[in-house]
C-alpha atoms as a PDB file:
ATOM      1  CA  MET A   1      95.973 107.553 117.937  1.00  0.00           C
ATOM      2  CA  ARG A   2      93.877 106.689 114.915  1.00  0.00           C
ATOM      3  CA  ILE A   3      90.234 105.702 115.302  1.00  0.00           C
ATOM      4  CA  ASP A   4      88.376 104.322 112.278  1.00  0.00           C
ATOM      5  CA  VAL A   5      84.619 103.875 112.526  1.00  0.00           C
ATOM      6  CA  MET A   6      83.057 101.434 110.083  1.00  0.00           C
ATOM      7  CA  THR A   7      79.396 102.299 109.684  1.00  0.00           C
ATOM      8  CA  LEU A   8      76.524 102.479 107.221  1.00  0.00           C
ATOM      9  CA  PHE A   9      75.712 105.973 108.517  1.00  0.00           C
ATOM     10  CA  PRO A  10      78.911 108.072 108.605  1.00  0.00           C
ATOM     11  CA  GLU A  11      76.886 111.292 108.638  1.00  0.00           C
ATOM     12  CA  MET A  12      75.858 110.541 112.233  1.00  0.00           C
ATOM     13  CA  PHE A  13      79.397 111.278 113.456  1.00  0.00           C
ATOM     14  CA  ALA A  14      79.900 114.737 111.955  1.00  0.00           C
ATOM     15  CA  GLY A  15      78.570 116.645 114.956  1.00  0.00           C
ATOM     16  CA  VAL A  16      80.272 114.438 117.542  1.00  0.00           C
ATOM     17  CA  PHE A  17      83.736 114.417 115.979  1.00  0.00           C
ATOM     18  CA  GLY A  18      83.488 118.059 114.914  1.00  0.00           C
ATOM     19  CA  SER A  19      82.619 119.535 118.308  1.00  0.00           C
ATOM     20  CA  SER A  20      84.045 120.222 121.759  1.00  0.00           C
ATOM     21  CA  ILE A  21      86.892 118.098 123.149  1.00  0.00           C
ATOM     22  CA  LEU A  22      86.981 115.644 120.224  1.00  0.00           C
ATOM     23  CA  LYS A  23      87.389 118.466 117.714  1.00  0.00           C
ATOM     24  CA  GLN A  24      90.157 120.030 119.802  1.00  0.00           C
ATOM     25  CA  ALA A  25      91.893 116.657 120.166  1.00  0.00           C
ATOM     26  CA  GLN A  26      92.053 116.322 116.399  1.00  0.00           C
ATOM     27  CA  GLU A  27      93.329 119.875 115.963  1.00  0.00           C
ATOM     28  CA  ARG A  28      96.113 119.152 118.470  1.00  0.00           C
ATOM     29  CA  GLY A  29      97.080 115.978 116.630  1.00  0.00           C
ATOM     30  CA  ALA A  30      96.285 113.679 119.553  1.00  0.00           C
ATOM     31  CA  VAL A  31      93.796 111.639 117.518  1.00  0.00           C
ATOM     32  CA  ALA A  32      92.671 111.205 113.924  1.00  0.00           C
ATOM     33  CA  PHE A  33      89.090 110.109 113.303  1.00  0.00           C
ATOM     34  CA  ARG A  34      87.918 108.532 110.081  1.00  0.00           C
ATOM     35  CA  THR A  35      84.390 107.344 109.345  1.00  0.00           C
ATOM     36  CA  VAL A  36      84.132 104.673 106.678  1.00  0.00           C
ATOM     37  CA  ASP A  37      80.938 103.608 104.935  1.00  0.00           C
ATOM     38  CA  PHE A  38      81.587  99.912 104.433  1.00  0.00           C
ATOM     39  CA  ARG A  39      78.833  99.841 101.805  1.00  0.00           C
ATOM     40  CA  ALA A  40      81.484 101.331  99.494  1.00  0.00           C
ATOM     41  CA  TYR A  41      83.376  98.035  99.649  1.00  0.00           C
ATOM     42  CA  THR A  42      80.563  95.683  98.679  1.00  0.00           C
ATOM     43  CA  THR A  43      80.916  93.758  95.425  1.00  0.00           C
ATOM     44  CA  ASN A  44      77.142  93.351  95.177  1.00  0.00           C
ATOM     45  CA  LYS A  45      75.874  95.135  92.057  1.00  0.00           C
ATOM     46  CA  HIS A  46      72.899  96.494  94.004  1.00  0.00           C
ATOM     47  CA  LYS A  47      75.171  97.764  96.820  1.00  0.00           C
ATOM     48  CA  LYS A  48      73.609  95.397  99.323  1.00  0.00           C
ATOM     49  CA  VAL A  49      75.593  94.630 102.478  1.00  0.00           C
ATOM     50  CA  ASP A  50      73.150  92.179 104.070  1.00  0.00           C
ATOM     51  CA  ASP A  51      71.393  88.921 103.213  1.00  0.00           C
ATOM     52  CA  TYR A  52      68.931  86.406 104.610  1.00  0.00           C
ATOM     53  CA  PRO A  53      70.232  84.132 107.394  1.00  0.00           C
ATOM     54  CA  TYR A  54      70.987  80.504 106.614  1.00  0.00           C
ATOM     55  CA  GLY A  55      68.465  78.288 108.357  1.00  0.00           C
ATOM     56  CA  GLY A  56      65.757  80.920 108.175  1.00  0.00           C
ATOM     57  CA  GLY A  57      64.514  83.299 110.823  1.00  0.00           C
ATOM     58  CA  ALA A  58      63.587  86.950 111.175  1.00  0.00           C
ATOM     59  CA  GLY A  59      65.831  89.810 110.097  1.00  0.00           C
ATOM     60  CA  MET A  60      68.863  90.206 107.881  1.00  0.00           C
ATOM     61  CA  VAL A  61      72.547  89.554 108.562  1.00  0.00           C
ATOM     62  CA  LEU A  62      75.471  91.766 107.548  1.00  0.00           C
ATOM     63  CA  SER A  63      77.600  89.975 104.951  1.00  0.00           C
ATOM     64  CA  PRO A  64      81.280  89.270 105.658  1.00  0.00           C
ATOM     65  CA  GLN A  65      82.654  90.402 102.279  1.00  0.00           C
ATOM     66  CA  PRO A  66      82.308  94.208 102.675  1.00  0.00           C
ATOM     67  CA  ILE A  67      83.691  94.086 106.212  1.00  0.00           C
ATOM     68  CA  PHE A  68      86.738  91.985 105.369  1.00  0.00           C
ATOM     69  CA  ASP A  69      87.513  94.046 102.270  1.00  0.00           C
ATOM     70  CA  ALA A  70      87.142  97.319 104.165  1.00  0.00           C
ATOM     71  CA  VAL A  71      89.503  96.150 106.917  1.00  0.00           C
ATOM     72  CA  ASP A  72      92.010  94.948 104.299  1.00  0.00           C
ATOM     73  CA  ALA A  73      91.945  98.337 102.575  1.00  0.00           C
ATOM     74  CA  LEU A  74      92.205 100.344 105.787  1.00  0.00           C
ATOM     75  CA  THR A  75      95.126  98.324 107.154  1.00  0.00           C
ATOM     76  CA  LYS A  76      97.091  97.818 103.939  1.00  0.00           C
ATOM     77  CA  GLY A  77     100.752  98.604 104.531  1.00  0.00           C
ATOM     78  CA  ASN A  78     100.339  98.827 108.317  1.00  0.00           C
ATOM     79  CA  GLU A  79     102.951  96.993 110.364  1.00  0.00           C
ATOM     80  CA  ALA A  80     100.887  96.829 113.541  1.00  0.00           C
ATOM     81  CA  LYS A  81      97.466  95.212 113.588  1.00  0.00           C
ATOM     82  CA  PRO A  82      94.631  97.406 114.854  1.00  0.00           C
ATOM     83  CA  ARG A  83      92.402  96.647 117.786  1.00  0.00           C
ATOM     84  CA  ILE A  84      89.088  95.820 116.104  1.00  0.00           C
ATOM     85  CA  VAL A  85      86.076  96.398 118.334  1.00  0.00           C
ATOM     86  CA  MET A  86      82.622  95.083 117.483  1.00  0.00           C
ATOM     87  CA  LEU A  87      79.702  96.911 119.092  1.00  0.00           C
ATOM     88  CA  CYS A  88      77.154  94.229 119.943  1.00  0.00           C
ATOM     89  CA  PRO A  89      74.713  93.255 122.745  1.00  0.00           C
ATOM     90  CA  GLN A  90      76.702  90.068 123.471  1.00  0.00           C
ATOM     91  CA  GLY A  91      79.930  91.951 124.216  1.00  0.00           C
ATOM     92  CA  GLU A  92      81.523  92.673 127.567  1.00  0.00           C
ATOM     93  CA  ARG A  93      80.109  95.700 129.349  1.00  0.00           C
ATOM     94  CA  PHE A  94      82.100  98.849 128.675  1.00  0.00           C
ATOM     95  CA  THR A  95      83.927 100.241 131.707  1.00  0.00           C
ATOM     96  CA  GLN A  96      86.448 102.936 132.515  1.00  0.00           C
ATOM     97  CA  ALA A  97      89.099 100.231 132.850  1.00  0.00           C
ATOM     98  CA  LYS A  98      88.359  99.117 129.282  1.00  0.00           C
ATOM     99  CA  ALA A  99      88.582 102.707 128.062  1.00  0.00           C
ATOM    100  CA  GLU A 100      91.999 103.047 129.699  1.00  0.00           C
ATOM    101  CA  GLU A 101      93.108  99.790 128.084  1.00  0.00           C
ATOM    102  CA  LEU A 102      92.001 100.912 124.608  1.00  0.00           C
ATOM    103  CA  ALA A 103      93.605 104.335 125.075  1.00  0.00           C
ATOM    104  CA  SER A 104      97.027 102.663 125.033  1.00  0.00           C
ATOM    105  CA  GLU A 105      96.518 101.457 121.445  1.00  0.00           C
ATOM    106  CA  GLU A 106      97.772 103.216 118.321  1.00  0.00           C
ATOM    107  CA  HIS A 107      94.900 102.187 116.061  1.00  0.00           C
ATOM    108  CA  LEU A 108      91.297 101.327 116.904  1.00  0.00           C
ATOM    109  CA  MET A 109      88.613 100.178 114.488  1.00  0.00           C
ATOM    110  CA  LEU A 110      85.000 100.313 115.686  1.00  0.00           C
ATOM    111  CA  LEU A 111      82.472  98.131 113.829  1.00  0.00           C
ATOM    112  CA  CYS A 112      78.879  99.371 114.000  1.00  0.00           C
ATOM    113  CA  GLY A 113      76.367  96.605 113.492  1.00  0.00           C
ATOM    114  CA  HIS A 114      72.749  96.692 112.317  1.00  0.00           C
ATOM    115  CA  TYR A 115      69.886  94.295 111.648  1.00  0.00           C
ATOM    116  CA  GLU A 116      70.554  90.901 113.272  1.00  0.00           C
ATOM    117  CA  GLY A 117      74.275  91.655 113.452  1.00  0.00           C
ATOM    118  CA  PHE A 118      77.346  90.458 111.594  1.00  0.00           C
ATOM    119  CA  ASP A 119      78.035  87.133 109.929  1.00  0.00           C
ATOM    120  CA  GLU A 120      79.756  85.045 112.613  1.00  0.00           C
ATOM    121  CA  ARG A 121      82.953  84.820 110.551  1.00  0.00           C
ATOM    122  CA  VAL A 122      83.563  88.523 111.165  1.00  0.00           C
ATOM    123  CA  ARG A 123      83.494  87.867 114.900  1.00  0.00           C
ATOM    124  CA  GLU A 124      85.684  84.759 114.661  1.00  0.00           C
ATOM    125  CA  HIS A 125      88.379  85.974 112.277  1.00  0.00           C
ATOM    126  CA  LEU A 126      88.558  89.788 112.463  1.00  0.00           C
ATOM    127  CA  VAL A 127      87.357  91.093 115.799  1.00  0.00           C
ATOM    128  CA  THR A 128      89.631  91.408 118.830  1.00  0.00           C
ATOM    129  CA  ASP A 129      87.028  92.805 121.261  1.00  0.00           C
ATOM    130  CA  GLU A 130      83.252  92.740 121.589  1.00  0.00           C
ATOM    131  CA  ILE A 131      81.762  95.573 123.628  1.00  0.00           C
ATOM    132  CA  SER A 132      78.273  96.468 124.812  1.00  0.00           C
ATOM    133  CA  LEU A 133      77.294  99.692 126.569  1.00  0.00           C
ATOM    134  CA  GLY A 134      74.853  97.839 128.795  1.00  0.00           C
ATOM    135  CA  ASP A 135      72.012  95.384 129.016  1.00  0.00           C
ATOM    136  CA  TYR A 136      69.769  96.968 126.428  1.00  0.00           C
ATOM    137  CA  VAL A 137      69.528  96.983 122.630  1.00  0.00           C
ATOM    138  CA  LEU A 138      69.985  99.962 120.304  1.00  0.00           C
ATOM    139  CA  THR A 139      69.074 100.221 116.631  1.00  0.00           C
ATOM    140  CA  GLY A 140      72.738 100.181 115.665  1.00  0.00           C
ATOM    141  CA  GLY A 141      76.282 100.399 116.960  1.00  0.00           C
ATOM    142  CA  GLU A 142      76.848 104.063 116.110  1.00  0.00           C
ATOM    143  CA  LEU A 143      75.923 105.520 119.495  1.00  0.00           C
ATOM    144  CA  GLY A 144      78.146 102.971 121.228  1.00  0.00           C
ATOM    145  CA  ALA A 145      81.035 103.851 118.923  1.00  0.00           C
ATOM    146  CA  MET A 146      80.599 107.530 119.783  1.00  0.00           C
ATOM    147  CA  VAL A 147      80.723 106.747 123.494  1.00  0.00           C
ATOM    148  CA  ILE A 148      83.879 104.649 123.145  1.00  0.00           C
ATOM    149  CA  ALA A 149      85.604 107.225 120.927  1.00  0.00           C
ATOM    150  CA  ASP A 150      84.818 109.995 123.425  1.00  0.00           C
ATOM    151  CA  SER A 151      85.834 108.093 126.563  1.00  0.00           C
ATOM    152  CA  VAL A 152      89.086 106.873 124.982  1.00  0.00           C
ATOM    153  CA  THR A 153      90.083 110.194 123.408  1.00  0.00           C
ATOM    154  CA  ARG A 154      89.756 112.184 126.629  1.00  0.00           C
ATOM    155  CA  LEU A 155      92.336 109.865 128.223  1.00  0.00           C
ATOM    156  CA  LEU A 156      95.019 110.663 125.640  1.00  0.00           C
ATOM    157  CA  PRO A 157      97.892 112.892 126.840  1.00  0.00           C
ATOM    158  CA  GLY A 158      97.254 116.593 126.325  1.00  0.00           C
ATOM    159  CA  VAL A 159      93.596 116.270 125.340  1.00  0.00           C
ATOM    160  CA  LEU A 160      92.104 117.656 128.551  1.00  0.00           C
ATOM    161  CA  GLY A 161      93.229 121.026 129.810  1.00  0.00           C
ATOM    162  CA  ASN A 162      94.416 119.344 133.004  1.00  0.00           C
ATOM    163  CA  ASP A 163      95.658 115.752 132.632  1.00  0.00           C
ATOM    164  CA  GLU A 164      94.819 115.152 136.293  1.00  0.00           C
ATOM    165  CA  SER A 165      91.123 115.502 135.424  1.00  0.00           C
ATOM    166  CA  ALA A 166      91.046 112.098 133.728  1.00  0.00           C
ATOM    167  CA  VAL A 167      92.942 110.455 136.583  1.00  0.00           C
ATOM    168  CA  THR A 168      90.541 111.678 139.265  1.00  0.00           C
ATOM    169  CA  ASP A 169      87.280 111.089 137.375  1.00  0.00           C
ATOM    170  CA  SER A 170      84.579 108.855 138.786  1.00  0.00           C
ATOM    171  CA  HIS A 171      85.447 105.184 138.122  1.00  0.00           C
ATOM    172  CA  SER A 172      89.123 105.979 137.348  1.00  0.00           C
ATOM    173  CA  THR A 173      90.033 105.858 141.049  1.00  0.00           C
ATOM    174  CA  GLY A 174      87.661 103.019 141.884  1.00  0.00           C
ATOM    175  CA  LEU A 175      85.330 105.483 143.627  1.00  0.00           C
ATOM    176  CA  LEU A 176      82.717 107.965 142.512  1.00  0.00           C
ATOM    177  CA  GLU A 177      84.011 111.513 142.454  1.00  0.00           C
ATOM    178  CA  HIS A 178      83.553 113.916 145.358  1.00  0.00           C
ATOM    179  CA  PRO A 179      81.090 116.876 145.111  1.00  0.00           C
ATOM    180  CA  HIS A 180      82.215 120.033 143.315  1.00  0.00           C
ATOM    181  CA  TYR A 181      81.359 123.672 144.058  1.00  0.00           C
ATOM    182  CA  THR A 182      82.137 127.040 142.480  1.00  0.00           C
ATOM    183  CA  ARG A 183      81.286 130.715 143.091  1.00  0.00           C
ATOM    184  CA  PRO A 184      79.251 132.161 144.711  1.00  0.00           C
ATOM    185  CA  ALA A 185      79.943 130.705 148.137  1.00  0.00           C
ATOM    186  CA  ASP A 186      76.350 131.458 149.161  1.00  0.00           C
ATOM    187  CA  PHE A 187      73.673 130.974 146.500  1.00  0.00           C
ATOM    188  CA  ARG A 188      70.085 131.532 147.650  1.00  0.00           C
ATOM    189  CA  GLY A 189      71.064 130.474 151.124  1.00  0.00           C
ATOM    190  CA  MET A 190      72.766 127.269 149.892  1.00  0.00           C
ATOM    191  CA  LYS A 191      76.346 127.461 151.128  1.00  0.00           C
ATOM    192  CA  VAL A 192      79.575 125.849 150.035  1.00  0.00           C
ATOM    193  CA  PRO A 193      81.050 123.593 152.772  1.00  0.00           C
ATOM    194  CA  GLU A 194      83.330 125.645 155.041  1.00  0.00           C
ATOM    195  CA  MET A 195      86.179 123.186 154.582  1.00  0.00           C
ATOM    196  CA  LEU A 196      86.511 124.118 150.899  1.00  0.00           C
ATOM    197  CA  LEU A 197      86.895 127.784 151.836  1.00  0.00           C
ATOM    198  CA  SER A 198      89.576 127.132 154.453  1.00  0.00           C
ATOM    199  CA  GLY A 199      92.584 127.195 152.139  1.00  0.00           C
ATOM    200  CA  HIS A 200      94.061 124.225 154.019  1.00  0.00           C
ATOM    201  CA  HIS A 201      94.938 121.873 151.152  1.00  0.00           C
ATOM    202  CA  ALA A 202      95.627 118.778 153.229  1.00  0.00           C
ATOM    203  CA  HIS A 203      92.303 119.101 155.028  1.00  0.00           C
ATOM    204  CA  ILE A 204      90.501 119.743 151.751  1.00  0.00           C
ATOM    205  CA  GLU A 205      91.984 116.588 150.209  1.00  0.00           C
ATOM    206  CA  ALA A 206      90.940 114.579 153.264  1.00  0.00           C
ATOM    207  CA  TRP A 207      87.404 115.995 152.969  1.00  0.00           C
ATOM    208  CA  ARG A 208      87.267 115.093 149.277  1.00  0.00           C
ATOM    209  CA  LYS A 209      88.459 111.560 149.963  1.00  0.00           C
ATOM    210  CA  LYS A 210      85.794 111.064 152.630  1.00  0.00           C
ATOM    211  CA  GLU A 211      83.054 112.517 150.412  1.00  0.00           C
ATOM    212  CA  ALA A 212      84.095 110.266 147.527  1.00  0.00           C
ATOM    213  CA  LEU A 213      83.843 107.264 149.847  1.00  0.00           C
ATOM    214  CA  ARG A 214      80.487 108.496 151.186  1.00  0.00           C
ATOM    215  CA  ARG A 215      79.046 108.996 147.700  1.00  0.00           C
ATOM    216  CA  THR A 216      80.210 105.584 146.535  1.00  0.00           C
ATOM    217  CA  TYR A 217      78.917 103.858 149.677  1.00  0.00           C
ATOM    218  CA  GLU A 218      75.514 105.519 149.323  1.00  0.00           C
ATOM    219  CA  ARG A 219      75.066 105.292 145.547  1.00  0.00           C
ATOM    220  CA  ARG A 220      77.238 102.451 144.243  1.00  0.00           C
ATOM    221  CA  PRO A 221      78.169 100.129 147.140  1.00  0.00           C
ATOM    222  CA  ASP A 222      78.867  97.378 144.604  1.00  0.00           C
ATOM    223  CA  MET A 223      82.012  99.269 143.565  1.00  0.00           C
ATOM    224  CA  LEU A 224      83.457  98.889 147.064  1.00  0.00           C
ATOM    225  CA  GLU A 225      83.456  95.093 146.839  1.00  0.00           C
ATOM    226  CA  SER A 226      86.575  95.125 144.638  1.00  0.00           C
ATOM    227  CA  TYR A 227      88.119  98.330 145.987  1.00  0.00           C
ATOM    228  CA  GLU A 228      91.666  98.148 147.404  1.00  0.00           C
ATOM    229  CA  TRP A 229      91.417  99.812 150.798  1.00  0.00           C
ATOM    230  CA  SER A 230      94.026 101.728 152.741  1.00  0.00           C
ATOM    231  CA  ASP A 231      93.847 101.710 156.547  1.00  0.00           C
ATOM    232  CA  GLU A 232      92.875 105.380 156.506  1.00  0.00           C
ATOM    233  CA  GLU A 233      90.009 104.715 154.095  1.00  0.00           C
ATOM    234  CA  LYS A 234      88.706 101.867 156.233  1.00  0.00           C
ATOM    235  CA  LYS A 235      88.542 104.242 159.196  1.00  0.00           C
ATOM    236  CA  LEU A 236      86.751 106.883 157.118  1.00  0.00           C
ATOM    237  CA  LEU A 237      84.148 104.381 155.976  1.00  0.00           C
ATOM    238  CA  GLU A 238      83.496 103.300 159.553  1.00  0.00           C
ATOM    239  CA  GLU A 239      82.942 106.956 160.460  1.00  0.00           C
ATOM    240  CA  ILE A 240      80.483 107.312 157.589  1.00  0.00           C
ATOM    241  CA  LYS A 241      78.583 104.193 158.664  1.00  0.00           C
ATOM    242  CA  ARG A 242      78.375 105.377 162.291  1.00  0.00           C
ATOM    243  CA  ASP A 243      77.154 108.848 161.373  1.00  0.00           C
ATOM    244  CA  PRO A 244      76.171 109.370 157.682  1.00  0.00           C
ATOM    245  CA  SER A 245      75.646 113.095 158.221  1.00  0.00           C
ATOM    246  CA  GLU A 246      79.193 113.799 159.411  1.00  0.00           C
END
């Protein structure tokens, strides 16, 4: 996969793309990151990329010319069109399902906005997706682009040490993930549940399923409204409702 980030502040991405899982993913050839300063594509003699809004009002608006020219240059000779994602407060809320959808693409372009946002013609004629991290406003789209790049990259084959990790993550299964424990089995009197020490894999999986349901029911019951239930899971939830401690 190729991920291009169009930004006025490419230096912000050096630490993120050059560390941890994202660095390893690049070294393995699973993904190629490129940060592009779209200021380099402006035809304005003063290197401006923004201007006053027509009709007046506060703030500045990012001009269409540098964005269109940057996209043209970055996609020249490409047969397939990229998925072009605009980071903006008006976009759909980013979810794990959206990350999985984007992970199937060959080429993503992430547009990081600033000021009052982009000229509307960028949205109407270039962008394929508009995404927001949540119902709040940031100073720019860079942090959102980092989040999307990270969540998408970790879903690519071979990126995580164990591909099953991405499949069983919270939100990937429709439930929050079950609790995790490691050594020592007894830390300051706080003990690991006996079931996890039993060595009985079928019983352990059943325990994990029930704990995932319990955690979701207690912390994010809204997720259960669209969950596709099995008969076994319905029974487990009834047990949890009758006795939350069991």
